[in-house]
PDB file of N, CA and C in Angstrom:
ATOM      1  N   UNK A   1     128.808 193.169  55.747  1.00  0.00           N
ATOM      2  CA  UNK A   1     127.709 192.347  55.271  1.00  0.00           C
ATOM      3  C   UNK A   1     127.375 192.700  53.802  1.00  0.00           C
ATOM      4  N   UNK A   2     127.390 193.977  53.496  1.00  0.00           N
ATOM      5  CA  UNK A   2     127.053 194.409  52.169  1.00  0.00           C
ATOM      6  C   UNK A   2     128.049 193.844  51.168  1.00  0.00           C
ATOM      7  N   UNK A   3     129.324 193.867  51.540  1.00  0.00           N
ATOM      8  CA  UNK A   3     130.394 193.347  50.673  1.00  0.00           C
ATOM      9  C   UNK A   3     130.225 191.855  50.387  1.00  0.00           C
ATOM     10  N   UNK A   4     129.819 191.106  51.412  1.00  0.00           N
ATOM     11  CA  UNK A   4     129.623 189.665  51.285  1.00  0.00           C
ATOM     12  C   UNK A   4     128.510 189.419  50.254  1.00  0.00           C
ATOM     13  N   UNK A   5     127.474 190.209  50.304  1.00  0.00           N
ATOM     14  CA  UNK A   5     126.383 190.085  49.344  1.00  0.00           C
ATOM     15  C   UNK A   5     126.910 190.311  47.890  1.00  0.00           C
ATOM     16  N   UNK A   6     127.628 191.364  47.698  1.00  0.00           N
ATOM     17  CA  UNK A   6     128.154 191.699  46.356  1.00  0.00           C
ATOM     18  C   UNK A   6     129.144 190.621  45.863  1.00  0.00           C
ATOM     19  N   UNK A   7     129.963 190.122  46.763  1.00  0.00           N
ATOM     20  CA  UNK A   7     130.914 189.077  46.372  1.00  0.00           C
ATOM     21  C   UNK A   7     130.159 187.819  45.977  1.00  0.00           C
ATOM     22  N   UNK A   8     129.147 187.459  46.754  1.00  0.00           N
ATOM     23  CA  UNK A   8     128.354 186.263  46.414  1.00  0.00           C
ATOM     24  C   UNK A   8     127.623 186.431  45.105  1.00  0.00           C
ATOM     25  N   UNK A   9     127.150 187.641  44.822  1.00  0.00           N
ATOM     26  CA  UNK A   9     126.444 187.911  43.561  1.00  0.00           C
ATOM     27  C   UNK A   9     127.416 187.765  42.393  1.00  0.00           C
ATOM     28  N   UNK A  10     128.575 188.278  42.503  1.00  0.00           N
ATOM     29  CA  UNK A  10     129.608 188.178  41.460  1.00  0.00           C
ATOM     30  C   UNK A  10     129.962 186.695  41.245  1.00  0.00           C
ATOM     31  N   UNK A  11     130.127 185.936  42.306  1.00  0.00           N
ATOM     32  CA  UNK A  11     130.415 184.541  42.219  1.00  0.00           C
ATOM     33  C   UNK A  11     129.279 183.786  41.467  1.00  0.00           C
ATOM     34  N   UNK A  12     128.043 184.098  41.789  1.00  0.00           N
ATOM     35  CA  UNK A  12     126.912 183.462  41.135  1.00  0.00           C
ATOM     36  C   UNK A  12     126.879 183.765  39.633  1.00  0.00           C
ATOM     37  N   UNK A  13     127.114 184.988  39.312  1.00  0.00           N
ATOM     38  CA  UNK A  13     127.089 185.386  37.907  1.00  0.00           C
ATOM     39  C   UNK A  13     128.200 184.709  37.123  1.00  0.00           C
ATOM     40  N   UNK A  14     129.380 184.672  37.685  1.00  0.00           N
ATOM     41  CA  UNK A  14     130.518 184.025  37.009  1.00  0.00           C
ATOM     42  C   UNK A  14     130.424 182.511  36.900  1.00  0.00           C
ATOM     43  N   UNK A  15     129.702 181.925  37.864  1.00  0.00           N
ATOM     44  CA  UNK A  15     129.609 180.474  37.861  1.00  0.00           C
ATOM     45  C   UNK A  15     128.434 179.920  37.004  1.00  0.00           C
ATOM     46  N   UNK A  16     127.591 180.813  36.498  1.00  0.00           N
ATOM     47  CA  UNK A  16     126.422 180.369  35.741  1.00  0.00           C
ATOM     48  C   UNK A  16     126.894 179.756  34.405  1.00  0.00           C
ATOM     49  N   UNK A  17     126.209 178.706  33.972  1.00  0.00           N
ATOM     50  CA  UNK A  17     126.484 178.098  32.684  1.00  0.00           C
ATOM     51  C   UNK A  17     125.590 178.726  31.649  1.00  0.00           C
ATOM     52  N   UNK A  18     125.874 178.406  30.426  1.00  0.00           N
ATOM     53  CA  UNK A  18     125.053 178.916  29.306  1.00  0.00           C
ATOM     54  C   UNK A  18     123.662 178.283  29.386  1.00  0.00           C
ATOM     55  N   UNK A  19     122.670 179.002  28.835  1.00  0.00           N
ATOM     56  CA  UNK A  19     121.300 178.506  28.810  1.00  0.00           C
ATOM     57  C   UNK A  19     121.195 177.191  28.079  1.00  0.00           C
ATOM     58  N   UNK A  20     121.901 177.080  27.016  1.00  0.00           N
ATOM     59  CA  UNK A  20     121.938 175.869  26.194  1.00  0.00           C
ATOM     60  C   UNK A  20     123.416 175.537  25.980  1.00  0.00           C
ATOM     61  N   UNK A  21     123.729 174.263  26.174  1.00  0.00           N
ATOM     62  CA  UNK A  21     125.092 173.859  25.908  1.00  0.00           C
ATOM     63  C   UNK A  21     125.385 174.038  24.421  1.00  0.00           C
ATOM     64  N   UNK A  22     126.593 174.494  24.155  1.00  0.00           N
ATOM     65  CA  UNK A  22     126.993 174.670  22.736  1.00  0.00           C
ATOM     66  C   UNK A  22     127.057 173.267  22.076  1.00  0.00           C
ATOM     67  N   UNK A  23     126.333 173.098  21.003  1.00  0.00           N
ATOM     68  CA  UNK A  23     126.329 171.779  20.321  1.00  0.00           C
ATOM     69  C   UNK A  23     127.749 171.399  19.864  1.00  0.00           C
ATOM     70  N   UNK A  24     127.968 170.112  19.774  1.00  0.00           N
ATOM     71  CA  UNK A  24     129.260 169.603  19.394  1.00  0.00           C
ATOM     72  C   UNK A  24     129.636 170.132  18.011  1.00  0.00           C
ATOM     73  N   UNK A  25     128.644 170.130  17.094  1.00  0.00           N
ATOM     74  CA  UNK A  25     128.832 170.655  15.721  1.00  0.00           C
ATOM     75  C   UNK A  25     127.884 171.817  15.614  1.00  0.00           C
ATOM     76  N   UNK A  26     128.404 172.937  15.173  1.00  0.00           N
ATOM     77  CA  UNK A  26     127.575 174.111  15.042  1.00  0.00           C
ATOM     78  C   UNK A  26     128.022 174.807  13.722  1.00  0.00           C
ATOM     79  N   UNK A  27     127.002 175.376  13.072  1.00  0.00           N
ATOM     80  CA  UNK A  27     127.272 176.140  11.846  1.00  0.00           C
ATOM     81  C   UNK A  27     127.924 177.481  12.171  1.00  0.00           C
ATOM     82  N   UNK A  28     128.939 177.853  11.444  1.00  0.00           N
ATOM     83  CA  UNK A  28     129.554 179.174  11.662  1.00  0.00           C
ATOM     84  C   UNK A  28     128.545 180.299  11.341  1.00  0.00           C
ATOM     85  N   UNK A  29     128.730 181.431  11.962  1.00  0.00           N
ATOM     86  CA  UNK A  29     127.806 182.552  11.780  1.00  0.00           C
ATOM     87  C   UNK A  29     127.647 182.901  10.304  1.00  0.00           C
ATOM     88  N   UNK A  30     128.729 182.916   9.571  1.00  0.00           N
ATOM     89  CA  UNK A  30     128.617 183.305   8.125  1.00  0.00           C
ATOM     90  C   UNK A  30     127.709 182.352   7.363  1.00  0.00           C
ATOM     91  N   UNK A  31     127.857 181.072   7.583  1.00  0.00           N
ATOM     92  CA  UNK A  31     127.028 180.099   6.907  1.00  0.00           C
ATOM     93  C   UNK A  31     125.572 180.216   7.351  1.00  0.00           C
ATOM     94  N   UNK A  32     125.394 180.473   8.619  1.00  0.00           N
ATOM     95  CA  UNK A  32     123.969 180.666   9.136  1.00  0.00           C
ATOM     96  C   UNK A  32     123.350 181.842   8.428  1.00  0.00           C
ATOM     97  N   UNK A  33     124.139 182.923   8.216  1.00  0.00           N
ATOM     98  CA  UNK A  33     123.621 184.109   7.551  1.00  0.00           C
ATOM     99  C   UNK A  33     123.179 183.758   6.116  1.00  0.00           C
ATOM    100  N   UNK A  34     124.012 183.007   5.440  1.00  0.00           N
ATOM    101  CA  UNK A  34     123.730 182.640   4.065  1.00  0.00           C
ATOM    102  C   UNK A  34     122.431 181.802   3.976  1.00  0.00           C
ATOM    103  N   UNK A  35     122.294 180.839   4.875  1.00  0.00           N
ATOM    104  CA  UNK A  35     121.142 179.976   4.889  1.00  0.00           C
ATOM    105  C   UNK A  35     119.866 180.715   5.175  1.00  0.00           C
ATOM    106  N   UNK A  36     119.980 181.597   6.204  1.00  0.00           N
ATOM    107  CA  UNK A  36     118.782 182.385   6.597  1.00  0.00           C
ATOM    108  C   UNK A  36     118.394 183.322   5.473  1.00  0.00           C
ATOM    109  N   UNK A  37     119.350 183.876   4.775  1.00  0.00           N
ATOM    110  CA  UNK A  37     119.032 184.725   3.607  1.00  0.00           C
ATOM    111  C   UNK A  37     118.311 183.916   2.564  1.00  0.00           C
ATOM    112  N   UNK A  38     118.767 182.696   2.266  1.00  0.00           N
ATOM    113  CA  UNK A  38     118.090 181.864   1.279  1.00  0.00           C
ATOM    114  C   UNK A  38     116.680 181.493   1.746  1.00  0.00           C
ATOM    115  N   UNK A  39     116.504 181.198   3.071  1.00  0.00           N
ATOM    116  CA  UNK A  39     115.177 180.911   3.581  1.00  0.00           C
ATOM    117  C   UNK A  39     114.251 182.121   3.403  1.00  0.00           C
ATOM    118  N   UNK A  40     114.774 183.301   3.666  1.00  0.00           N
ATOM    119  CA  UNK A  40     113.964 184.517   3.532  1.00  0.00           C
ATOM    120  C   UNK A  40     113.548 184.758   2.086  1.00  0.00           C
ATOM    121  N   UNK A  41     114.475 184.556   1.171  1.00  0.00           N
ATOM    122  CA  UNK A  41     114.170 184.682  -0.273  1.00  0.00           C
ATOM    123  C   UNK A  41     113.157 183.670  -0.682  1.00  0.00           C
ATOM    124  N   UNK A  42     113.315 182.426  -0.188  1.00  0.00           N
ATOM    125  CA  UNK A  42     112.341 181.389  -0.464  1.00  0.00           C
ATOM    126  C   UNK A  42     110.967 181.730   0.056  1.00  0.00           C
ATOM    127  N   UNK A  43     110.935 182.283   1.250  1.00  0.00           N
ATOM    128  CA  UNK A  43     109.674 182.666   1.865  1.00  0.00           C
ATOM    129  C   UNK A  43     108.942 183.697   1.030  1.00  0.00           C
ATOM    130  N   UNK A  44     109.691 184.684   0.524  1.00  0.00           N
ATOM    131  CA  UNK A  44     109.098 185.667  -0.294  1.00  0.00           C
ATOM    132  C   UNK A  44     108.579 185.119  -1.612  1.00  0.00           C
ATOM    133  N   UNK A  45     109.328 184.156  -2.177  1.00  0.00           N
ATOM    134  CA  UNK A  45     108.888 183.489  -3.387  1.00  0.00           C
ATOM    135  C   UNK A  45     107.548 182.773  -3.171  1.00  0.00           C
ATOM    136  N   UNK A  46     107.432 182.177  -1.988  1.00  0.00           N
ATOM    137  CA  UNK A  46     106.188 181.478  -1.637  1.00  0.00           C
ATOM    138  C   UNK A  46     105.043 182.498  -1.546  1.00  0.00           C
ATOM    139  N   UNK A  47     105.266 183.646  -0.960  1.00  0.00           N
ATOM    140  CA  UNK A  47     104.261 184.677  -0.808  1.00  0.00           C
ATOM    141  C   UNK A  47     103.811 185.213  -2.142  1.00  0.00           C
ATOM    142  N   UNK A  48     104.748 185.313  -3.093  1.00  0.00           N
ATOM    143  CA  UNK A  48     104.449 185.835  -4.399  1.00  0.00           C
ATOM    144  C   UNK A  48     103.812 184.754  -5.303  1.00  0.00           C
ATOM    145  N   UNK A  49     104.474 183.574  -5.340  1.00  0.00           N
ATOM    146  CA  UNK A  49     104.035 182.474  -6.196  1.00  0.00           C
ATOM    147  C   UNK A  49     102.793 181.733  -5.693  1.00  0.00           C
ATOM    148  N   UNK A  50     102.832 181.463  -4.411  1.00  0.00           N
ATOM    149  CA  UNK A  50     101.673 180.794  -3.786  1.00  0.00           C
ATOM    150  C   UNK A  50     101.635 179.301  -3.903  1.00  0.00           C
ATOM    151  N   UNK A  51     102.145 178.777  -5.006  1.00  0.00           N
ATOM    152  CA  UNK A  51     102.024 177.318  -5.191  1.00  0.00           C
ATOM    153  C   UNK A  51     103.324 176.578  -5.088  1.00  0.00           C
ATOM    154  N   UNK A  52     104.285 177.174  -4.357  1.00  0.00           N
ATOM    155  CA  UNK A  52     105.613 176.561  -4.190  1.00  0.00           C
ATOM    156  C   UNK A  52     105.536 175.572  -2.994  1.00  0.00           C
ATOM    157  N   UNK A  53     106.086 174.425  -3.156  1.00  0.00           N
ATOM    158  CA  UNK A  53     106.180 173.443  -2.077  1.00  0.00           C
ATOM    159  C   UNK A  53     107.297 173.878  -1.137  1.00  0.00           C
ATOM    160  N   UNK A  54     106.926 174.404   0.033  1.00  0.00           N
ATOM    161  CA  UNK A  54     107.891 174.922   0.913  1.00  0.00           C
ATOM    162  C   UNK A  54     108.796 173.820   1.522  1.00  0.00           C
ATOM    163  N   UNK A  55     108.252 172.657   1.702  1.00  0.00           N
ATOM    164  CA  UNK A  55     109.028 171.549   2.264  1.00  0.00           C
ATOM    165  C   UNK A  55     110.141 171.172   1.275  1.00  0.00           C
ATOM    166  N   UNK A  56     109.834 171.092   0.013  1.00  0.00           N
ATOM    167  CA  UNK A  56     110.844 170.767  -1.009  1.00  0.00           C
ATOM    168  C   UNK A  56     111.857 171.915  -1.084  1.00  0.00           C
ATOM    169  N   UNK A  57     111.385 173.138  -1.001  1.00  0.00           N
ATOM    170  CA  UNK A  57     112.306 174.283  -1.068  1.00  0.00           C
ATOM    171  C   UNK A  57     113.297 174.276   0.138  1.00  0.00           C
ATOM    172  N   UNK A  58     112.789 173.932   1.285  1.00  0.00           N
ATOM    173  CA  UNK A  58     113.623 173.817   2.464  1.00  0.00           C
ATOM    174  C   UNK A  58     114.692 172.734   2.283  1.00  0.00           C
ATOM    175  N   UNK A  59     114.219 171.591   1.787  1.00  0.00           N
ATOM    176  CA  UNK A  59     115.200 170.487   1.542  1.00  0.00           C
ATOM    177  C   UNK A  59     116.254 170.928   0.523  1.00  0.00           C
ATOM    178  N   UNK A  60     115.823 171.636  -0.508  1.00  0.00           N
ATOM    179  CA  UNK A  60     116.741 172.111  -1.513  1.00  0.00           C
ATOM    180  C   UNK A  60     117.804 173.018  -0.924  1.00  0.00           C
ATOM    181  N   UNK A  61     117.386 173.969  -0.053  1.00  0.00           N
ATOM    182  CA  UNK A  61     118.348 174.881   0.551  1.00  0.00           C
ATOM    183  C   UNK A  61     119.341 174.116   1.449  1.00  0.00           C
ATOM    184  N   UNK A  62     118.816 173.187   2.286  1.00  0.00           N
ATOM    185  CA  UNK A  62     119.705 172.398   3.132  1.00  0.00           C
ATOM    186  C   UNK A  62     120.666 171.578   2.337  1.00  0.00           C
ATOM    187  N   UNK A  63     120.190 171.004   1.197  1.00  0.00           N
ATOM    188  CA  UNK A  63     121.026 170.201   0.345  1.00  0.00           C
ATOM    189  C   UNK A  63     122.122 171.081  -0.341  1.00  0.00           C
ATOM    190  N   UNK A  64     121.687 172.306  -0.744  1.00  0.00           N
ATOM    191  CA  UNK A  64     122.632 173.245  -1.393  1.00  0.00           C
ATOM    192  C   UNK A  64     123.824 173.491  -0.474  1.00  0.00           C
ATOM    193  N   UNK A  65     123.594 173.553   0.818  1.00  0.00           N
ATOM    194  CA  UNK A  65     124.688 173.830   1.776  1.00  0.00           C
ATOM    195  C   UNK A  65     125.263 172.520   2.363  1.00  0.00           C
ATOM    196  N   UNK A  66     124.709 171.409   1.923  1.00  0.00           N
ATOM    197  CA  UNK A  66     125.208 170.106   2.326  1.00  0.00           C
ATOM    198  C   UNK A  66     125.113 169.916   3.850  1.00  0.00           C
ATOM    199  N   UNK A  67     123.976 170.311   4.428  1.00  0.00           N
ATOM    200  CA  UNK A  67     123.800 170.119   5.861  1.00  0.00           C
ATOM    201  C   UNK A  67     122.491 169.427   6.143  1.00  0.00           C
ATOM    202  N   UNK A  68     122.380 168.836   7.346  1.00  0.00           N
ATOM    203  CA  UNK A  68     121.135 168.221   7.762  1.00  0.00           C
ATOM    204  C   UNK A  68     120.298 169.205   8.531  1.00  0.00           C
ATOM    205  N   UNK A  69     118.986 169.024   8.482  1.00  0.00           N
ATOM    206  CA  UNK A  69     118.063 169.911   9.154  1.00  0.00           C
ATOM    207  C   UNK A  69     118.354 170.000  10.663  1.00  0.00           C
ATOM    208  N   UNK A  70     118.762 168.862  11.275  1.00  0.00           N
ATOM    209  CA  UNK A  70     119.077 168.858  12.692  1.00  0.00           C
ATOM    210  C   UNK A  70     120.224 169.800  13.047  1.00  0.00           C
ATOM    211  N   UNK A  71     121.203 169.794  12.210  1.00  0.00           N
ATOM    212  CA  UNK A  71     122.374 170.713  12.410  1.00  0.00           C
ATOM    213  C   UNK A  71     121.930 172.159  12.377  1.00  0.00           C
ATOM    214  N   UNK A  72     121.130 172.497  11.391  1.00  0.00           N
ATOM    215  CA  UNK A  72     120.612 173.841  11.297  1.00  0.00           C
ATOM    216  C   UNK A  72     119.781 174.187  12.518  1.00  0.00           C
ATOM    217  N   UNK A  73     118.893 173.285  12.924  1.00  0.00           N
ATOM    218  CA  UNK A  73     118.014 173.507  14.107  1.00  0.00           C
ATOM    219  C   UNK A  73     118.831 173.694  15.367  1.00  0.00           C
ATOM    220  N   UNK A  74     119.812 172.810  15.600  1.00  0.00           N
ATOM    221  CA  UNK A  74     120.609 172.893  16.770  1.00  0.00           C
ATOM    222  C   UNK A  74     121.399 174.222  16.788  1.00  0.00           C
ATOM    223  N   UNK A  75     121.961 174.607  15.661  1.00  0.00           N
ATOM    224  CA  UNK A  75     122.728 175.832  15.564  1.00  0.00           C
ATOM    225  C   UNK A  75     121.812 177.049  15.834  1.00  0.00           C
ATOM    226  N   UNK A  76     120.615 177.018  15.221  1.00  0.00           N
ATOM    227  CA  UNK A  76     119.723 178.149  15.368  1.00  0.00           C
ATOM    228  C   UNK A  76     119.259 178.307  16.846  1.00  0.00           C
ATOM    229  N   UNK A  77     118.962 177.173  17.483  1.00  0.00           N
ATOM    230  CA  UNK A  77     118.565 177.196  18.916  1.00  0.00           C
ATOM    231  C   UNK A  77     119.725 177.792  19.744  1.00  0.00           C
ATOM    232  N   UNK A  78     120.910 177.372  19.446  1.00  0.00           N
ATOM    233  CA  UNK A  78     122.059 177.899  20.188  1.00  0.00           C
ATOM    234  C   UNK A  78     122.241 179.379  19.995  1.00  0.00           C
ATOM    235  N   UNK A  79     122.199 179.843  18.744  1.00  0.00           N
ATOM    236  CA  UNK A  79     122.354 181.271  18.467  1.00  0.00           C
ATOM    237  C   UNK A  79     121.194 182.101  19.099  1.00  0.00           C
ATOM    238  N   UNK A  80     120.004 181.487  19.250  1.00  0.00           N
ATOM    239  CA  UNK A  80     118.896 182.177  19.871  1.00  0.00           C
ATOM    240  C   UNK A  80     119.214 182.592  21.319  1.00  0.00           C
ATOM    241  N   UNK A  81     120.113 181.830  21.981  1.00  0.00           N
ATOM    242  CA  UNK A  81     120.510 182.186  23.318  1.00  0.00           C
ATOM    243  C   UNK A  81     121.627 183.213  23.362  1.00  0.00           C
ATOM    244  N   UNK A  82     122.123 183.605  22.195  1.00  0.00           N
ATOM    245  CA  UNK A  82     123.165 184.592  22.080  1.00  0.00           C
ATOM    246  C   UNK A  82     122.630 185.767  21.260  1.00  0.00           C
ATOM    247  N   UNK A  83     121.892 186.699  21.860  1.00  0.00           N
ATOM    248  CA  UNK A  83     121.209 187.763  21.139  1.00  0.00           C
ATOM    249  C   UNK A  83     122.159 188.613  20.258  1.00  0.00           C
ATOM    250  N   UNK A  84     123.336 188.914  20.739  1.00  0.00           N
ATOM    251  CA  UNK A  84     124.262 189.751  19.965  1.00  0.00           C
ATOM    252  C   UNK A  84     124.750 188.964  18.703  1.00  0.00           C
ATOM    253  N   UNK A  85     125.055 187.707  18.921  1.00  0.00           N
ATOM    254  CA  UNK A  85     125.480 186.885  17.762  1.00  0.00           C
ATOM    255  C   UNK A  85     124.365 186.741  16.729  1.00  0.00           C
ATOM    256  N   UNK A  86     123.152 186.505  17.264  1.00  0.00           N
ATOM    257  CA  UNK A  86     122.000 186.361  16.344  1.00  0.00           C
ATOM    258  C   UNK A  86     121.716 187.647  15.603  1.00  0.00           C
ATOM    259  N   UNK A  87     121.852 188.758  16.265  1.00  0.00           N
ATOM    260  CA  UNK A  87     121.690 190.064  15.613  1.00  0.00           C
ATOM    261  C   UNK A  87     122.692 190.218  14.449  1.00  0.00           C
ATOM    262  N   UNK A  88     123.951 189.877  14.707  1.00  0.00           N
ATOM    263  CA  UNK A  88     124.992 189.937  13.679  1.00  0.00           C
ATOM    264  C   UNK A  88     124.651 188.991  12.501  1.00  0.00           C
ATOM    265  N   UNK A  89     124.157 187.796  12.818  1.00  0.00           N
ATOM    266  CA  UNK A  89     123.789 186.845  11.795  1.00  0.00           C
ATOM    267  C   UNK A  89     122.676 187.405  10.923  1.00  0.00           C
ATOM    268  N   UNK A  90     121.645 187.942  11.568  1.00  0.00           N
ATOM    269  CA  UNK A  90     120.514 188.504  10.820  1.00  0.00           C
ATOM    270  C   UNK A  90     120.898 189.706   9.996  1.00  0.00           C
ATOM    271  N   UNK A  91     121.780 190.567  10.559  1.00  0.00           N
ATOM    272  CA  UNK A  91     122.265 191.720   9.775  1.00  0.00           C
ATOM    273  C   UNK A  91     123.045 191.300   8.527  1.00  0.00           C
ATOM    274  N   UNK A  92     123.864 190.236   8.693  1.00  0.00           N
ATOM    275  CA  UNK A  92     124.627 189.721   7.575  1.00  0.00           C
ATOM    276  C   UNK A  92     123.673 189.118   6.492  1.00  0.00           C
ATOM    277  N   UNK A  93     122.652 188.407   7.019  1.00  0.00           N
ATOM    278  CA  UNK A  93     121.688 187.845   6.118  1.00  0.00           C
ATOM    279  C   UNK A  93     120.916 188.937   5.326  1.00  0.00           C
ATOM    280  N   UNK A  94     120.640 189.989   5.988  1.00  0.00           N
ATOM    281  CA  UNK A  94     119.976 191.152   5.323  1.00  0.00           C
ATOM    282  C   UNK A  94     120.895 191.737   4.306  1.00  0.00           C
ATOM    283  N   UNK A  95     122.156 191.833   4.566  1.00  0.00           N
ATOM    284  CA  UNK A  95     123.149 192.352   3.589  1.00  0.00           C
ATOM    285  C   UNK A  95     123.237 191.394   2.370  1.00  0.00           C
ATOM    286  N   UNK A  96     123.174 190.142   2.609  1.00  0.00           N
ATOM    287  CA  UNK A  96     123.227 189.195   1.500  1.00  0.00           C
ATOM    288  C   UNK A  96     121.984 189.351   0.631  1.00  0.00           C
ATOM    289  N   UNK A  97     120.846 189.516   1.258  1.00  0.00           N
ATOM    290  CA  UNK A  97     119.610 189.726   0.472  1.00  0.00           C
ATOM    291  C   UNK A  97     119.713 190.990  -0.358  1.00  0.00           C
ATOM    292  N   UNK A  98     120.220 192.074   0.279  1.00  0.00           N
ATOM    293  CA  UNK A  98     120.355 193.323  -0.460  1.00  0.00           C
ATOM    294  C   UNK A  98     121.308 193.205  -1.621  1.00  0.00           C
ATOM    295  N   UNK A  99     122.349 192.418  -1.451  1.00  0.00           N
ATOM    296  CA  UNK A  99     123.312 192.260  -2.549  1.00  0.00           C
ATOM    297  C   UNK A  99     122.733 191.451  -3.702  1.00  0.00           C
ATOM    298  N   UNK A 100     121.860 190.504  -3.396  1.00  0.00           N
ATOM    299  CA  UNK A 100     121.255 189.687  -4.432  1.00  0.00           C
ATOM    300  C   UNK A 100     120.140 190.389  -5.178  1.00  0.00           C
ATOM    301  N   UNK A 101     119.485 191.349  -4.487  1.00  0.00           N
ATOM    302  CA  UNK A 101     118.385 192.084  -5.107  1.00  0.00           C
ATOM    303  C   UNK A 101     118.422 193.534  -4.671  1.00  0.00           C
ATOM    304  N   UNK A 102     118.921 194.403  -5.544  1.00  0.00           N
ATOM    305  CA  UNK A 102     119.030 195.809  -5.171  1.00  0.00           C
ATOM    306  C   UNK A 102     117.669 196.436  -4.777  1.00  0.00           C
ATOM    307  N   UNK A 103     116.596 195.968  -5.329  1.00  0.00           N
ATOM    308  CA  UNK A 103     115.268 196.496  -4.971  1.00  0.00           C
ATOM    309  C   UNK A 103     114.918 196.168  -3.536  1.00  0.00           C
ATOM    310  N   UNK A 104     115.505 195.099  -3.025  1.00  0.00           N
ATOM    311  CA  UNK A 104     115.207 194.681  -1.642  1.00  0.00           C
ATOM    312  C   UNK A 104     115.675 195.755  -0.681  1.00  0.00           C
ATOM    313  N   UNK A 105     116.772 196.417  -0.955  1.00  0.00           N
ATOM    314  CA  UNK A 105     117.258 197.447  -0.034  1.00  0.00           C
ATOM    315  C   UNK A 105     116.251 198.549   0.136  1.00  0.00           C
ATOM    316  N   UNK A 106     115.667 199.028  -0.905  1.00  0.00           N
ATOM    317  CA  UNK A 106     114.651 200.081  -0.817  1.00  0.00           C
ATOM    318  C   UNK A 106     113.441 199.628   0.023  1.00  0.00           C
ATOM    319  N   UNK A 107     113.027 198.374  -0.209  1.00  0.00           N
ATOM    320  CA  UNK A 107     111.895 197.793   0.505  1.00  0.00           C
ATOM    321  C   UNK A 107     112.245 197.679   2.005  1.00  0.00           C
ATOM    322  N   UNK A 108     113.405 197.173   2.285  1.00  0.00           N
ATOM    323  CA  UNK A 108     113.798 196.970   3.677  1.00  0.00           C
ATOM    324  C   UNK A 108     113.873 198.345   4.416  1.00  0.00           C
ATOM    325  N   UNK A 109     114.484 199.292   3.747  1.00  0.00           N
ATOM    326  CA  UNK A 109     114.648 200.650   4.341  1.00  0.00           C
ATOM    327  C   UNK A 109     113.246 201.276   4.577  1.00  0.00           C
ATOM    328  N   UNK A 110     112.347 201.067   3.609  1.00  0.00           N
ATOM    329  CA  UNK A 110     110.968 201.557   3.765  1.00  0.00           C
ATOM    330  C   UNK A 110     110.274 200.952   5.001  1.00  0.00           C
ATOM    331  N   UNK A 111     110.436 199.634   5.133  1.00  0.00           N
ATOM    332  CA  UNK A 111     109.771 198.944   6.245  1.00  0.00           C
ATOM    333  C   UNK A 111     110.404 199.343   7.587  1.00  0.00           C
ATOM    334  N   UNK A 112     111.705 199.603   7.578  1.00  0.00           N
ATOM    335  CA  UNK A 112     112.362 199.960   8.807  1.00  0.00           C
ATOM    336  C   UNK A 112     111.884 201.371   9.265  1.00  0.00           C
ATOM    337  N   UNK A 113     111.463 202.225   8.357  1.00  0.00           N
ATOM    338  CA  UNK A 113     110.979 203.518   8.700  1.00  0.00           C
ATOM    339  C   UNK A 113     109.545 203.486   9.230  1.00  0.00           C
ATOM    340  N   UNK A 114     108.817 202.443   8.758  1.00  0.00           N
ATOM    341  CA  UNK A 114     107.457 202.302   9.206  1.00  0.00           C
ATOM    342  C   UNK A 114     107.434 201.756  10.646  1.00  0.00           C
ATOM    343  N   UNK A 115     106.507 202.227  11.407  1.00  0.00           N
ATOM    344  CA  UNK A 115     106.287 201.672  12.736  1.00  0.00           C
ATOM    345  C   UNK A 115     104.823 201.302  12.909  1.00  0.00           C
ATOM    346  N   UNK A 116     104.596 200.312  13.714  1.00  0.00           N
ATOM    347  CA  UNK A 116     103.209 199.967  13.990  1.00  0.00           C
ATOM    348  C   UNK A 116     102.741 200.814  15.174  1.00  0.00           C
ATOM    349  N   UNK A 117     101.575 200.566  15.654  1.00  0.00           N
ATOM    350  CA  UNK A 117     101.019 201.382  16.729  1.00  0.00           C
ATOM    351  C   UNK A 117     101.844 201.352  18.017  1.00  0.00           C
ATOM    352  N   UNK A 118     102.576 200.280  18.213  1.00  0.00           N
ATOM    353  CA  UNK A 118     103.421 200.164  19.423  1.00  0.00           C
ATOM    354  C   UNK A 118     104.755 200.862  19.269  1.00  0.00           C
ATOM    355  N   UNK A 119     105.046 201.350  18.080  1.00  0.00           N
ATOM    356  CA  UNK A 119     106.327 202.001  17.819  1.00  0.00           C
ATOM    357  C   UNK A 119     107.472 201.043  17.609  1.00  0.00           C
ATOM    358  N   UNK A 120     107.162 199.784  17.286  1.00  0.00           N
ATOM    359  CA  UNK A 120     108.197 198.815  17.024  1.00  0.00           C
ATOM    360  C   UNK A 120     108.366 198.596  15.545  1.00  0.00           C
ATOM    361  N   UNK A 121     109.465 198.019  15.146  1.00  0.00           N
ATOM    362  CA  UNK A 121     109.752 197.744  13.746  1.00  0.00           C
ATOM    363  C   UNK A 121     108.893 196.531  13.324  1.00  0.00           C
ATOM    364  N   UNK A 122     108.267 196.615  12.146  1.00  0.00           N
ATOM    365  CA  UNK A 122     107.476 195.462  11.708  1.00  0.00           C
ATOM    366  C   UNK A 122     108.328 194.217  11.570  1.00  0.00           C
ATOM    367  N   UNK A 123     107.719 193.096  11.805  1.00  0.00           N
ATOM    368  CA  UNK A 123     108.470 191.806  11.850  1.00  0.00           C
ATOM    369  C   UNK A 123     109.190 191.491  10.521  1.00  0.00           C
ATOM    370  N   UNK A 124     108.542 191.846   9.393  1.00  0.00           N
ATOM    371  CA  UNK A 124     109.176 191.535   8.112  1.00  0.00           C
ATOM    372  C   UNK A 124     110.389 192.370   7.823  1.00  0.00           C
ATOM    373  N   UNK A 125     110.603 193.412   8.587  1.00  0.00           N
ATOM    374  CA  UNK A 125     111.744 194.282   8.377  1.00  0.00           C
ATOM    375  C   UNK A 125     112.889 194.020   9.314  1.00  0.00           C
ATOM    376  N   UNK A 126     112.684 193.154  10.295  1.00  0.00           N
ATOM    377  CA  UNK A 126     113.732 192.836  11.240  1.00  0.00           C
ATOM    378  C   UNK A 126     114.747 191.933  10.667  1.00  0.00           C
TER     379      UNK A 126
END
């Protein structure tokens, strides 16, 4: 009886489909990393400058990569269901930011060392 339970559990696990169907068109991980890095840089510019039109900046970034917002959204939603892939994408994006601004590396490393009261990494450093 015990073996029947284990076999049925294995069958259930193997037969499960993905949480979200893979979109017909999806951005490759490398391109996602580049776009996310540009969005992060844009976000920091907004925090510093304050009077930047974020909607226009978003359109500019999407136009720079010649993609539609829906394609980015669909790709991002899909990668959100793949934690390991998303982690790789975010790490690559962080590397891109570090390569574009050497001062960013010191800031990121400083934030990674800081912990909040719960002992987790601050959101801006993830």
